[in-house]
Amino acid sequence: MRSVFAWFEMLPLWGNTAIMAALSALIAFAYLPIRSGAIRWALALLTPFVLAWAVFSMPVWKGVNPSEYSFWAIYFVILWSGAGALASSVVMWSRGVLRRH
């Protein structure tokens, strides 16, 4: 049986990016009850970066040679966290729009 991370690594780049955006959006829904808008937005925009860095670094934590991953870290983390931040922003923005109506 393959691990979840082996399956994740086999997906194309757009598939990984879509999964990271969806996870970030789902996590952003958990932040909606927070009263402070600044804290809510900060968490929503910081979570995708932390999530992307953790998922990208997982193979290194499992013992893979880090020199293979360090070159690609900026590319993948920026792409994944950017997609996640966009998805989280949509969730936060839609909360504001729905509150006004």
PDB file of N, CA and C in Angstrom:
ATOM      1  N   MET A   1       0.845  -1.190   0.000  1.00  0.00           N
ATOM      2  CA  MET A   1       0.000   0.000   0.000  1.00  0.00           C
ATOM      3  C   MET A   1       0.889   1.252   0.000  1.00  0.00           C
ATOM      4  N   ARG A   2       0.580   2.129  -0.885  1.00  0.00           N
ATOM      5  CA  ARG A   2       1.365   3.362  -0.982  1.00  0.00           C
ATOM      6  C   ARG A   2       0.897   4.374   0.040  1.00  0.00           C
ATOM      7  N   SER A   3       1.824   5.210   0.459  1.00  0.00           N
ATOM      8  CA  SER A   3       1.450   6.257   1.395  1.00  0.00           C
ATOM      9  C   SER A   3       0.747   7.390   0.654  1.00  0.00           C
ATOM     10  N   VAL A   4       0.080   8.218   1.401  1.00  0.00           N
ATOM     11  CA  VAL A   4      -0.622   9.363   0.824  1.00  0.00           C
ATOM     12  C   VAL A   4       0.359  10.296   0.142  1.00  0.00           C
ATOM     13  N   PHE A   5       1.535  10.452   0.717  1.00  0.00           N
ATOM     14  CA  PHE A   5       2.506  11.385   0.153  1.00  0.00           C
ATOM     15  C   PHE A   5       3.120  10.851  -1.131  1.00  0.00           C
ATOM     16  N   ALA A   6       3.259   9.538  -1.258  1.00  0.00           N
ATOM     17  CA  ALA A   6       3.740   8.970  -2.519  1.00  0.00           C
ATOM     18  C   ALA A   6       2.708   9.225  -3.617  1.00  0.00           C
ATOM     19  N   TRP A   7       1.439   9.081  -3.285  1.00  0.00           N
ATOM     20  CA  TRP A   7       0.377   9.368  -4.243  1.00  0.00           C
ATOM     21  C   TRP A   7       0.386  10.847  -4.608  1.00  0.00           C
ATOM     22  N   PHE A   8       0.580  11.708  -3.617  1.00  0.00           N
ATOM     23  CA  PHE A   8       0.608  13.154  -3.852  1.00  0.00           C
ATOM     24  C   PHE A   8       1.748  13.519  -4.795  1.00  0.00           C
ATOM     25  N   GLU A   9       2.911  12.884  -4.635  1.00  0.00           N
ATOM     26  CA  GLU A   9       4.063  13.177  -5.486  1.00  0.00           C
ATOM     27  C   GLU A   9       3.853  12.704  -6.921  1.00  0.00           C
ATOM     28  N   MET A  10       2.997  11.719  -7.123  1.00  0.00           N
ATOM     29  CA  MET A  10       2.754  11.205  -8.471  1.00  0.00           C
ATOM     30  C   MET A  10       1.792  12.084  -9.268  1.00  0.00           C
ATOM     31  N   LEU A  11       1.061  12.941  -8.613  1.00  0.00           N
ATOM     32  CA  LEU A  11       0.113  13.807  -9.305  1.00  0.00           C
ATOM     33  C   LEU A  11       0.848  14.860 -10.133  1.00  0.00           C
ATOM     34  N   PRO A  12       0.201  15.365 -11.183  1.00  0.00           N
ATOM     35  CA  PRO A  12       0.815  16.475 -11.925  1.00  0.00           C
ATOM     36  C   PRO A  12       0.812  17.745 -11.079  1.00  0.00           C
ATOM     37  N   LEU A  13       1.585  18.695 -11.493  1.00  0.00           N
ATOM     38  CA  LEU A  13       1.728  19.942 -10.737  1.00  0.00           C
ATOM     39  C   LEU A  13       0.389  20.634 -10.512  1.00  0.00           C
ATOM     40  N   TRP A  14      -0.465  20.684 -11.532  1.00  0.00           N
ATOM     41  CA  TRP A  14      -1.762  21.336 -11.371  1.00  0.00           C
ATOM     42  C   TRP A  14      -2.631  20.581 -10.376  1.00  0.00           C
ATOM     43  N   GLY A  15      -2.487  19.272 -10.297  1.00  0.00           N
ATOM     44  CA  GLY A  15      -3.265  18.490  -9.333  1.00  0.00           C
ATOM     45  C   GLY A  15      -2.847  18.788  -7.903  1.00  0.00           C
ATOM     46  N   ASN A  16      -1.530  18.842  -7.678  1.00  0.00           N
ATOM     47  CA  ASN A  16      -1.020  19.191  -6.347  1.00  0.00           C
ATOM     48  C   ASN A  16      -1.459  20.594  -5.945  1.00  0.00           C
ATOM     49  N   THR A  17      -1.391  21.502  -6.891  1.00  0.00           N
ATOM     50  CA  THR A  17      -1.773  22.885  -6.609  1.00  0.00           C
ATOM     51  C   THR A  17      -3.256  22.984  -6.274  1.00  0.00           C
ATOM     52  N   ALA A  18      -4.085  22.252  -6.988  1.00  0.00           N
ATOM     53  CA  ALA A  18      -5.523  22.260  -6.711  1.00  0.00           C
ATOM     54  C   ALA A  18      -5.825  21.673  -5.344  1.00  0.00           C
ATOM     55  N   ILE A  19      -5.129  20.617  -4.970  1.00  0.00           N
ATOM     56  CA  ILE A  19      -5.330  20.019  -3.648  1.00  0.00           C
ATOM     57  C   ILE A  19      -4.916  20.990  -2.552  1.00  0.00           C
ATOM     58  N   MET A  20      -3.796  21.659  -2.733  1.00  0.00           N
ATOM     59  CA  MET A  20      -3.343  22.618  -1.722  1.00  0.00           C
ATOM     60  C   MET A  20      -4.317  23.787  -1.604  1.00  0.00           C
ATOM     61  N   ALA A  21      -4.865  24.243  -2.724  1.00  0.00           N
ATOM     62  CA  ALA A  21      -5.844  25.331  -2.686  1.00  0.00           C
ATOM     63  C   ALA A  21      -7.113  24.873  -1.971  1.00  0.00           C
ATOM     64  N   ALA A  22      -7.565  23.664  -2.264  1.00  0.00           N
ATOM     65  CA  ALA A  22      -8.777  23.149  -1.623  1.00  0.00           C
ATOM     66  C   ALA A  22      -8.572  22.967  -0.118  1.00  0.00           C
ATOM     67  N   LEU A  23      -7.433  22.427   0.278  1.00  0.00           N
ATOM     68  CA  LEU A  23      -7.146  22.275   1.715  1.00  0.00           C
ATOM     69  C   LEU A  23      -7.090  23.626   2.416  1.00  0.00           C
ATOM     70  N   SER A  24      -6.464  24.585   1.787  1.00  0.00           N
ATOM     71  CA  SER A  24      -6.375  25.922   2.381  1.00  0.00           C
ATOM     72  C   SER A  24      -7.758  26.548   2.534  1.00  0.00           C
ATOM     73  N   ALA A  25      -8.603  26.382   1.523  1.00  0.00           N
ATOM     74  CA  ALA A  25      -9.959  26.928   1.601  1.00  0.00           C
ATOM     75  C   ALA A  25     -10.760  26.250   2.704  1.00  0.00           C
ATOM     76  N   LEU A  26     -10.623  24.938   2.821  1.00  0.00           N
ATOM     77  CA  LEU A  26     -11.339  24.221   3.885  1.00  0.00           C
ATOM     78  C   LEU A  26     -10.885  24.670   5.267  1.00  0.00           C
ATOM     79  N   ILE A  27      -9.587  24.849   5.420  1.00  0.00           N
ATOM     80  CA  ILE A  27      -9.065  25.319   6.710  1.00  0.00           C
ATOM     81  C   ILE A  27      -9.531  26.743   6.978  1.00  0.00           C
ATOM     82  N   ALA A  28      -9.632  27.558   5.935  1.00  0.00           N
ATOM     83  CA  ALA A  28     -10.084  28.943   6.101  1.00  0.00           C
ATOM     84  C   ALA A  28     -11.511  28.999   6.641  1.00  0.00           C
ATOM     85  N   PHE A  29     -12.339  28.023   6.289  1.00  0.00           N
ATOM     86  CA  PHE A  29     -13.695  27.985   6.842  1.00  0.00           C
ATOM     87  C   PHE A  29     -13.677  27.863   8.363  1.00  0.00           C
ATOM     88  N   ALA A  30     -12.660  27.213   8.905  1.00  0.00           N
ATOM     89  CA  ALA A  30     -12.547  27.078  10.359  1.00  0.00           C
ATOM     90  C   ALA A  30     -12.240  28.413  11.029  1.00  0.00           C
ATOM     91  N   TYR A  31     -11.688  29.355  10.275  1.00  0.00           N
ATOM     92  CA  TYR A  31     -11.345  30.660  10.833  1.00  0.00           C
ATOM     93  C   TYR A  31     -12.504  31.659  10.786  1.00  0.00           C
ATOM     94  N   LEU A  32     -13.575  31.325  10.117  1.00  0.00           N
ATOM     95  CA  LEU A  32     -14.680  32.271   9.955  1.00  0.00           C
ATOM     96  C   LEU A  32     -15.308  32.731  11.277  1.00  0.00           C
ATOM     97  N   PRO A  33     -15.420  31.890  12.286  1.00  0.00           N
ATOM     98  CA  PRO A  33     -16.004  32.374  13.539  1.00  0.00           C
ATOM     99  C   PRO A  33     -15.139  33.355  14.336  1.00  0.00           C
ATOM    100  N   ILE A  34     -13.893  33.517  13.991  1.00  0.00           N
ATOM    101  CA  ILE A  34     -13.013  34.433  14.719  1.00  0.00           C
ATOM    102  C   ILE A  34     -13.509  35.856  14.515  1.00  0.00           C
ATOM    103  N   ARG A  35     -13.699  36.579  15.606  1.00  0.00           N
ATOM    104  CA  ARG A  35     -14.272  37.926  15.547  1.00  0.00           C
ATOM    105  C   ARG A  35     -13.342  38.959  14.919  1.00  0.00           C
ATOM    106  N   SER A  36     -12.080  38.918  15.284  1.00  0.00           N
ATOM    107  CA  SER A  36     -11.133  39.913  14.786  1.00  0.00           C
ATOM    108  C   SER A  36     -10.815  39.657  13.312  1.00  0.00           C
ATOM    109  N   GLY A  37     -11.134  40.646  12.485  1.00  0.00           N
ATOM    110  CA  GLY A  37     -10.877  40.513  11.062  1.00  0.00           C
ATOM    111  C   GLY A  37      -9.401  40.403  10.739  1.00  0.00           C
ATOM    112  N   ALA A  38      -8.572  41.139  11.465  1.00  0.00           N
ATOM    113  CA  ALA A  38      -7.133  41.107  11.204  1.00  0.00           C
ATOM    114  C   ALA A  38      -6.551  39.734  11.513  1.00  0.00           C
ATOM    115  N   ILE A  39      -6.950  39.159  12.621  1.00  0.00           N
ATOM    116  CA  ILE A  39      -6.454  37.825  12.988  1.00  0.00           C
ATOM    117  C   ILE A  39      -6.984  36.785  12.008  1.00  0.00           C
ATOM    118  N   ARG A  40      -8.249  36.898  11.655  1.00  0.00           N
ATOM    119  CA  ARG A  40      -8.858  35.953  10.715  1.00  0.00           C
ATOM    120  C   ARG A  40      -8.119  35.976   9.379  1.00  0.00           C
ATOM    121  N   TRP A  41      -7.867  37.158   8.852  1.00  0.00           N
ATOM    122  CA  TRP A  41      -7.163  37.284   7.570  1.00  0.00           C
ATOM    123  C   TRP A  41      -5.713  36.824   7.690  1.00  0.00           C
ATOM    124  N   ALA A  42      -5.052  37.163   8.796  1.00  0.00           N
ATOM    125  CA  ALA A  42      -3.658  36.738   8.971  1.00  0.00           C
ATOM    126  C   ALA A  42      -3.550  35.218   8.993  1.00  0.00           C
ATOM    127  N   LEU A  43      -4.434  34.577   9.721  1.00  0.00           N
ATOM    128  CA  LEU A  43      -4.426  33.113   9.749  1.00  0.00           C
ATOM    129  C   LEU A  43      -4.736  32.524   8.382  1.00  0.00           C
ATOM    130  N   ALA A  44      -5.695  33.111   7.698  1.00  0.00           N
ATOM    131  CA  ALA A  44      -6.091  32.595   6.384  1.00  0.00           C
ATOM    132  C   ALA A  44      -4.973  32.726   5.361  1.00  0.00           C
ATOM    133  N   LEU A  45      -4.143  33.740   5.480  1.00  0.00           N
ATOM    134  CA  LEU A  45      -3.058  33.935   4.522  1.00  0.00           C
ATOM    135  C   LEU A  45      -1.757  33.258   4.947  1.00  0.00           C
ATOM    136  N   LEU A  46      -1.598  33.003   6.235  1.00  0.00           N
ATOM    137  CA  LEU A  46      -0.394  32.338   6.718  1.00  0.00           C
ATOM    138  C   LEU A  46      -0.505  30.820   6.621  1.00  0.00           C
ATOM    139  N   THR A  47      -1.692  30.291   6.817  1.00  0.00           N
ATOM    140  CA  THR A  47      -1.897  28.842   6.799  1.00  0.00           C
ATOM    141  C   THR A  47      -1.462  28.196   5.482  1.00  0.00           C
ATOM    142  N   PRO A  48      -1.793  28.751   4.311  1.00  0.00           N
ATOM    143  CA  PRO A  48      -1.335  28.099   3.077  1.00  0.00           C
ATOM    144  C   PRO A  48       0.182  27.987   2.960  1.00  0.00           C
ATOM    145  N   PHE A  49       0.895  29.003   3.457  1.00  0.00           N
ATOM    146  CA  PHE A  49       2.354  28.941   3.414  1.00  0.00           C
ATOM    147  C   PHE A  49       2.877  27.823   4.309  1.00  0.00           C
ATOM    148  N   VAL A  50       2.353  27.757   5.519  1.00  0.00           N
ATOM    149  CA  VAL A  50       2.785  26.710   6.462  1.00  0.00           C
ATOM    150  C   VAL A  50       2.424  25.329   5.915  1.00  0.00           C
ATOM    151  N   LEU A  51       1.228  25.205   5.375  1.00  0.00           N
ATOM    152  CA  LEU A  51       0.781  23.935   4.810  1.00  0.00           C
ATOM    153  C   LEU A  51       1.664  23.536   3.620  1.00  0.00           C
ATOM    154  N   ALA A  52       1.941  24.460   2.724  1.00  0.00           N
ATOM    155  CA  ALA A  52       2.777  24.162   1.552  1.00  0.00           C
ATOM    156  C   ALA A  52       4.184  23.769   1.974  1.00  0.00           C
ATOM    157  N   TRP A  53       4.736  24.484   2.935  1.00  0.00           N
ATOM    158  CA  TRP A  53       6.095  24.167   3.393  1.00  0.00           C
ATOM    159  C   TRP A  53       6.126  22.799   4.058  1.00  0.00           C
ATOM    160  N   ALA A  54       5.122  22.484   4.847  1.00  0.00           N
ATOM    161  CA  ALA A  54       5.082  21.183   5.529  1.00  0.00           C
ATOM    162  C   ALA A  54       4.939  20.038   4.532  1.00  0.00           C
ATOM    163  N   VAL A  55       4.050  20.178   3.570  1.00  0.00           N
ATOM    164  CA  VAL A  55       3.848  19.114   2.583  1.00  0.00           C
ATOM    165  C   VAL A  55       5.095  18.953   1.720  1.00  0.00           C
ATOM    166  N   PHE A  56       5.711  20.049   1.323  1.00  0.00           N
ATOM    167  CA  PHE A  56       6.912  19.959   0.511  1.00  0.00           C
ATOM    168  C   PHE A  56       8.065  19.330   1.289  1.00  0.00           C
ATOM    169  N   SER A  57       8.159  19.622   2.573  1.00  0.00           N
ATOM    170  CA  SER A  57       9.267  19.130   3.391  1.00  0.00           C
ATOM    171  C   SER A  57       9.050  17.718   3.928  1.00  0.00           C
ATOM    172  N   MET A  58       7.877  17.173   3.806  1.00  0.00           N
ATOM    173  CA  MET A  58       7.571  15.862   4.365  1.00  0.00           C
ATOM    174  C   MET A  58       8.531  14.759   3.909  1.00  0.00           C
ATOM    175  N   PRO A  59       8.871  14.662   2.624  1.00  0.00           N
ATOM    176  CA  PRO A  59       9.830  13.609   2.239  1.00  0.00           C
ATOM    177  C   PRO A  59      11.196  13.779   2.900  1.00  0.00           C
ATOM    178  N   VAL A  60      11.618  15.006   3.098  1.00  0.00           N
ATOM    179  CA  VAL A  60      12.904  15.251   3.758  1.00  0.00           C
ATOM    180  C   VAL A  60      12.831  14.791   5.204  1.00  0.00           C
ATOM    181  N   TRP A  61      11.702  15.023   5.859  1.00  0.00           N
ATOM    182  CA  TRP A  61      11.529  14.569   7.238  1.00  0.00           C
ATOM    183  C   TRP A  61      11.537  13.045   7.322  1.00  0.00           C
ATOM    184  N   LYS A  62      11.140  12.400   6.214  1.00  0.00           N
ATOM    185  CA  LYS A  62      11.115  10.944   6.181  1.00  0.00           C
ATOM    186  C   LYS A  62      12.461  10.351   5.785  1.00  0.00           C
ATOM    187  N   GLY A  63      13.457  11.182   5.502  1.00  0.00           N
ATOM    188  CA  GLY A  63      14.793  10.683   5.263  1.00  0.00           C
ATOM    189  C   GLY A  63      15.339  10.840   3.863  1.00  0.00           C
ATOM    190  N   VAL A  64      14.615  11.481   2.953  1.00  0.00           N
ATOM    191  CA  VAL A  64      15.113  11.706   1.601  1.00  0.00           C
ATOM    192  C   VAL A  64      16.218  12.764   1.654  1.00  0.00           C
ATOM    193  N   ASN A  65      17.182  12.651   0.764  1.00  0.00           N
ATOM    194  CA  ASN A  65      18.292  13.592   0.711  1.00  0.00           C
ATOM    195  C   ASN A  65      17.759  15.013   0.475  1.00  0.00           C
ATOM    196  N   PRO A  66      17.997  15.936   1.387  1.00  0.00           N
ATOM    197  CA  PRO A  66      17.450  17.292   1.244  1.00  0.00           C
ATOM    198  C   PRO A  66      18.036  18.087   0.089  1.00  0.00           C
ATOM    199  N   SER A  67      19.207  17.699  -0.411  1.00  0.00           N
ATOM    200  CA  SER A  67      19.799  18.461  -1.517  1.00  0.00           C
ATOM    201  C   SER A  67      18.941  18.364  -2.780  1.00  0.00           C
ATOM    202  N   GLU A  68      18.162  17.299  -2.907  1.00  0.00           N
ATOM    203  CA  GLU A  68      17.287  17.159  -4.064  1.00  0.00           C
ATOM    204  C   GLU A  68      16.088  18.098  -3.981  1.00  0.00           C
ATOM    205  N   TYR A  69      15.721  18.484  -2.794  1.00  0.00           N
ATOM    206  CA  TYR A  69      14.516  19.276  -2.598  1.00  0.00           C
ATOM    207  C   TYR A  69      14.784  20.767  -2.422  1.00  0.00           C
ATOM    208  N   SER A  70      15.947  21.131  -1.964  1.00  0.00           N
ATOM    209  CA  SER A  70      16.200  22.532  -1.627  1.00  0.00           C
ATOM    210  C   SER A  70      16.099  23.451  -2.843  1.00  0.00           C
ATOM    211  N   PHE A  71      16.516  22.995  -4.005  1.00  0.00           N
ATOM    212  CA  PHE A  71      16.465  23.828  -5.203  1.00  0.00           C
ATOM    213  C   PHE A  71      15.024  24.146  -5.596  1.00  0.00           C
ATOM    214  N   TRP A  72      14.130  23.175  -5.465  1.00  0.00           N
ATOM    215  CA  TRP A  72      12.745  23.324  -5.902  1.00  0.00           C
ATOM    216  C   TRP A  72      11.840  23.910  -4.835  1.00  0.00           C
ATOM    217  N   ALA A  73      12.334  24.099  -3.640  1.00  0.00           N
ATOM    218  CA  ALA A  73      11.493  24.543  -2.525  1.00  0.00           C
ATOM    219  C   ALA A  73      10.799  25.867  -2.815  1.00  0.00           C
ATOM    220  N   ILE A  74      11.534  26.831  -3.282  1.00  0.00           N
ATOM    221  CA  ILE A  74      10.947  28.156  -3.509  1.00  0.00           C
ATOM    222  C   ILE A  74       9.857  28.071  -4.574  1.00  0.00           C
ATOM    223  N   TYR A  75      10.115  27.337  -5.627  1.00  0.00           N
ATOM    224  CA  TYR A  75       9.144  27.219  -6.716  1.00  0.00           C
ATOM    225  C   TYR A  75       7.834  26.598  -6.236  1.00  0.00           C
ATOM    226  N   PHE A  76       7.928  25.441  -5.597  1.00  0.00           N
ATOM    227  CA  PHE A  76       6.719  24.747  -5.170  1.00  0.00           C
ATOM    228  C   PHE A  76       6.013  25.452  -4.017  1.00  0.00           C
ATOM    229  N   VAL A  77       6.756  25.901  -3.048  1.00  0.00           N
ATOM    230  CA  VAL A  77       6.134  26.552  -1.890  1.00  0.00           C
ATOM    231  C   VAL A  77       5.438  27.841  -2.307  1.00  0.00           C
ATOM    232  N   ILE A  78       6.048  28.608  -3.181  1.00  0.00           N
ATOM    233  CA  ILE A  78       5.401  29.842  -3.649  1.00  0.00           C
ATOM    234  C   ILE A  78       4.157  29.519  -4.469  1.00  0.00           C
ATOM    235  N   LEU A  79       4.257  28.548  -5.357  1.00  0.00           N
ATOM    236  CA  LEU A  79       3.105  28.182  -6.183  1.00  0.00           C
ATOM    237  C   LEU A  79       1.961  27.656  -5.323  1.00  0.00           C
ATOM    238  N   TRP A  80       2.259  26.696  -4.450  1.00  0.00           N
ATOM    239  CA  TRP A  80       1.212  26.090  -3.620  1.00  0.00           C
ATOM    240  C   TRP A  80       0.637  27.082  -2.617  1.00  0.00           C
ATOM    241  N   SER A  81       1.495  27.851  -1.971  1.00  0.00           N
ATOM    242  CA  SER A  81       0.971  28.802  -0.985  1.00  0.00           C
ATOM    243  C   SER A  81       0.228  29.941  -1.671  1.00  0.00           C
ATOM    244  N   GLY A  82       0.654  30.322  -2.866  1.00  0.00           N
ATOM    245  CA  GLY A  82      -0.078  31.356  -3.609  1.00  0.00           C
ATOM    246  C   GLY A  82      -1.478  30.895  -3.979  1.00  0.00           C
ATOM    247  N   ALA A  83      -1.585  29.661  -4.464  1.00  0.00           N
ATOM    248  CA  ALA A  83      -2.909  29.115  -4.790  1.00  0.00           C
ATOM    249  C   ALA A  83      -3.757  28.984  -3.536  1.00  0.00           C
ATOM    250  N   GLY A  84      -3.133  28.551  -2.444  1.00  0.00           N
ATOM    251  CA  GLY A  84      -3.862  28.423  -1.184  1.00  0.00           C
ATOM    252  C   GLY A  84      -4.300  29.758  -0.618  1.00  0.00           C
ATOM    253  N   ALA A  85      -3.434  30.757  -0.733  1.00  0.00           N
ATOM    254  CA  ALA A  85      -3.783  32.096  -0.252  1.00  0.00           C
ATOM    255  C   ALA A  85      -4.921  32.684  -1.079  1.00  0.00           C
ATOM    256  N   LEU A  86      -4.911  32.428  -2.377  1.00  0.00           N
ATOM    257  CA  LEU A  86      -6.002  32.902  -3.225  1.00  0.00           C
ATOM    258  C   LEU A  86      -7.325  32.234  -2.832  1.00  0.00           C
ATOM    259  N   ALA A  87      -7.290  30.926  -2.619  1.00  0.00           N
ATOM    260  CA  ALA A  87      -8.505  30.213  -2.221  1.00  0.00           C
ATOM    261  C   ALA A  87      -8.991  30.665  -0.834  1.00  0.00           C
ATOM    262  N   SER A  88      -8.073  30.861   0.091  1.00  0.00           N
ATOM    263  CA  SER A  88      -8.441  31.341   1.426  1.00  0.00           C
ATOM    264  C   SER A  88      -9.006  32.754   1.365  1.00  0.00           C
ATOM    265  N   SER A  89      -8.433  33.572   0.510  1.00  0.00           N
ATOM    266  CA  SER A  89      -8.928  34.942   0.351  1.00  0.00           C
ATOM    267  C   SER A  89     -10.350  34.957  -0.192  1.00  0.00           C
ATOM    268  N   VAL A  90     -10.643  34.049  -1.103  1.00  0.00           N
ATOM    269  CA  VAL A  90     -12.003  33.962  -1.633  1.00  0.00           C
ATOM    270  C   VAL A  90     -12.976  33.602  -0.525  1.00  0.00           C
ATOM    271  N   VAL A  91     -12.591  32.686   0.345  1.00  0.00           N
ATOM    272  CA  VAL A  91     -13.449  32.307   1.471  1.00  0.00           C
ATOM    273  C   VAL A  91     -13.657  33.498   2.400  1.00  0.00           C
ATOM    274  N   MET A  92     -12.583  34.194   2.739  1.00  0.00           N
ATOM    275  CA  MET A  92     -12.698  35.343   3.643  1.00  0.00           C
ATOM    276  C   MET A  92     -13.494  36.473   3.000  1.00  0.00           C
ATOM    277  N   TRP A  93     -13.261  36.734   1.736  1.00  0.00           N
ATOM    278  CA  TRP A  93     -13.977  37.792   1.022  1.00  0.00           C
ATOM    279  C   TRP A  93     -15.458  37.467   0.924  1.00  0.00           C
ATOM    280  N   SER A  94     -15.780  36.213   0.619  1.00  0.00           N
ATOM    281  CA  SER A  94     -17.186  35.841   0.483  1.00  0.00           C
ATOM    282  C   SER A  94     -17.915  35.953   1.818  1.00  0.00           C
ATOM    283  N   ARG A  95     -17.198  35.732   2.920  1.00  0.00           N
ATOM    284  CA  ARG A  95     -17.815  35.925   4.232  1.00  0.00           C
ATOM    285  C   ARG A  95     -18.230  37.367   4.393  1.00  0.00           C
ATOM    286  N   GLY A  96     -17.362  38.280   4.014  1.00  0.00           N
ATOM    287  CA  GLY A  96     -17.682  39.707   4.120  1.00  0.00           C
ATOM    288  C   GLY A  96     -18.828  40.105   3.237  1.00  0.00           C
ATOM    289  N   VAL A  97     -18.874  39.582   2.029  1.00  0.00           N
ATOM    290  CA  VAL A  97     -19.959  39.904   1.099  1.00  0.00           C
ATOM    291  C   VAL A  97     -21.273  39.352   1.626  1.00  0.00           C
ATOM    292  N   LEU A  98     -21.262  38.128   2.119  1.00  0.00           N
ATOM    293  CA  LEU A  98     -22.507  37.524   2.618  1.00  0.00           C
ATOM    294  C   LEU A  98     -22.998  38.203   3.892  1.00  0.00           C
ATOM    295  N   ARG A  99     -22.086  38.709   4.699  1.00  0.00           N
ATOM    296  CA  ARG A  99     -22.479  39.411   5.933  1.00  0.00           C
ATOM    297  C   ARG A  99     -23.197  40.707   5.635  1.00  0.00           C
ATOM    298  N   ARG A 100     -22.798  41.377   4.547  1.00  0.00           N
ATOM    299  CA  ARG A 100     -23.389  42.663   4.206  1.00  0.00           C
ATOM    300  C   ARG A 100     -24.795  42.531   3.638  1.00  0.00           C
ATOM    301  N   HIS A 101     -25.113  41.369   3.113  1.00  0.00           N
ATOM    302  CA  HIS A 101     -26.426  41.182   2.481  1.00  0.00           C
ATOM    303  C   HIS A 101     -27.380  40.467   3.371  1.00  0.00           C
TER     304      HIS A 101
END
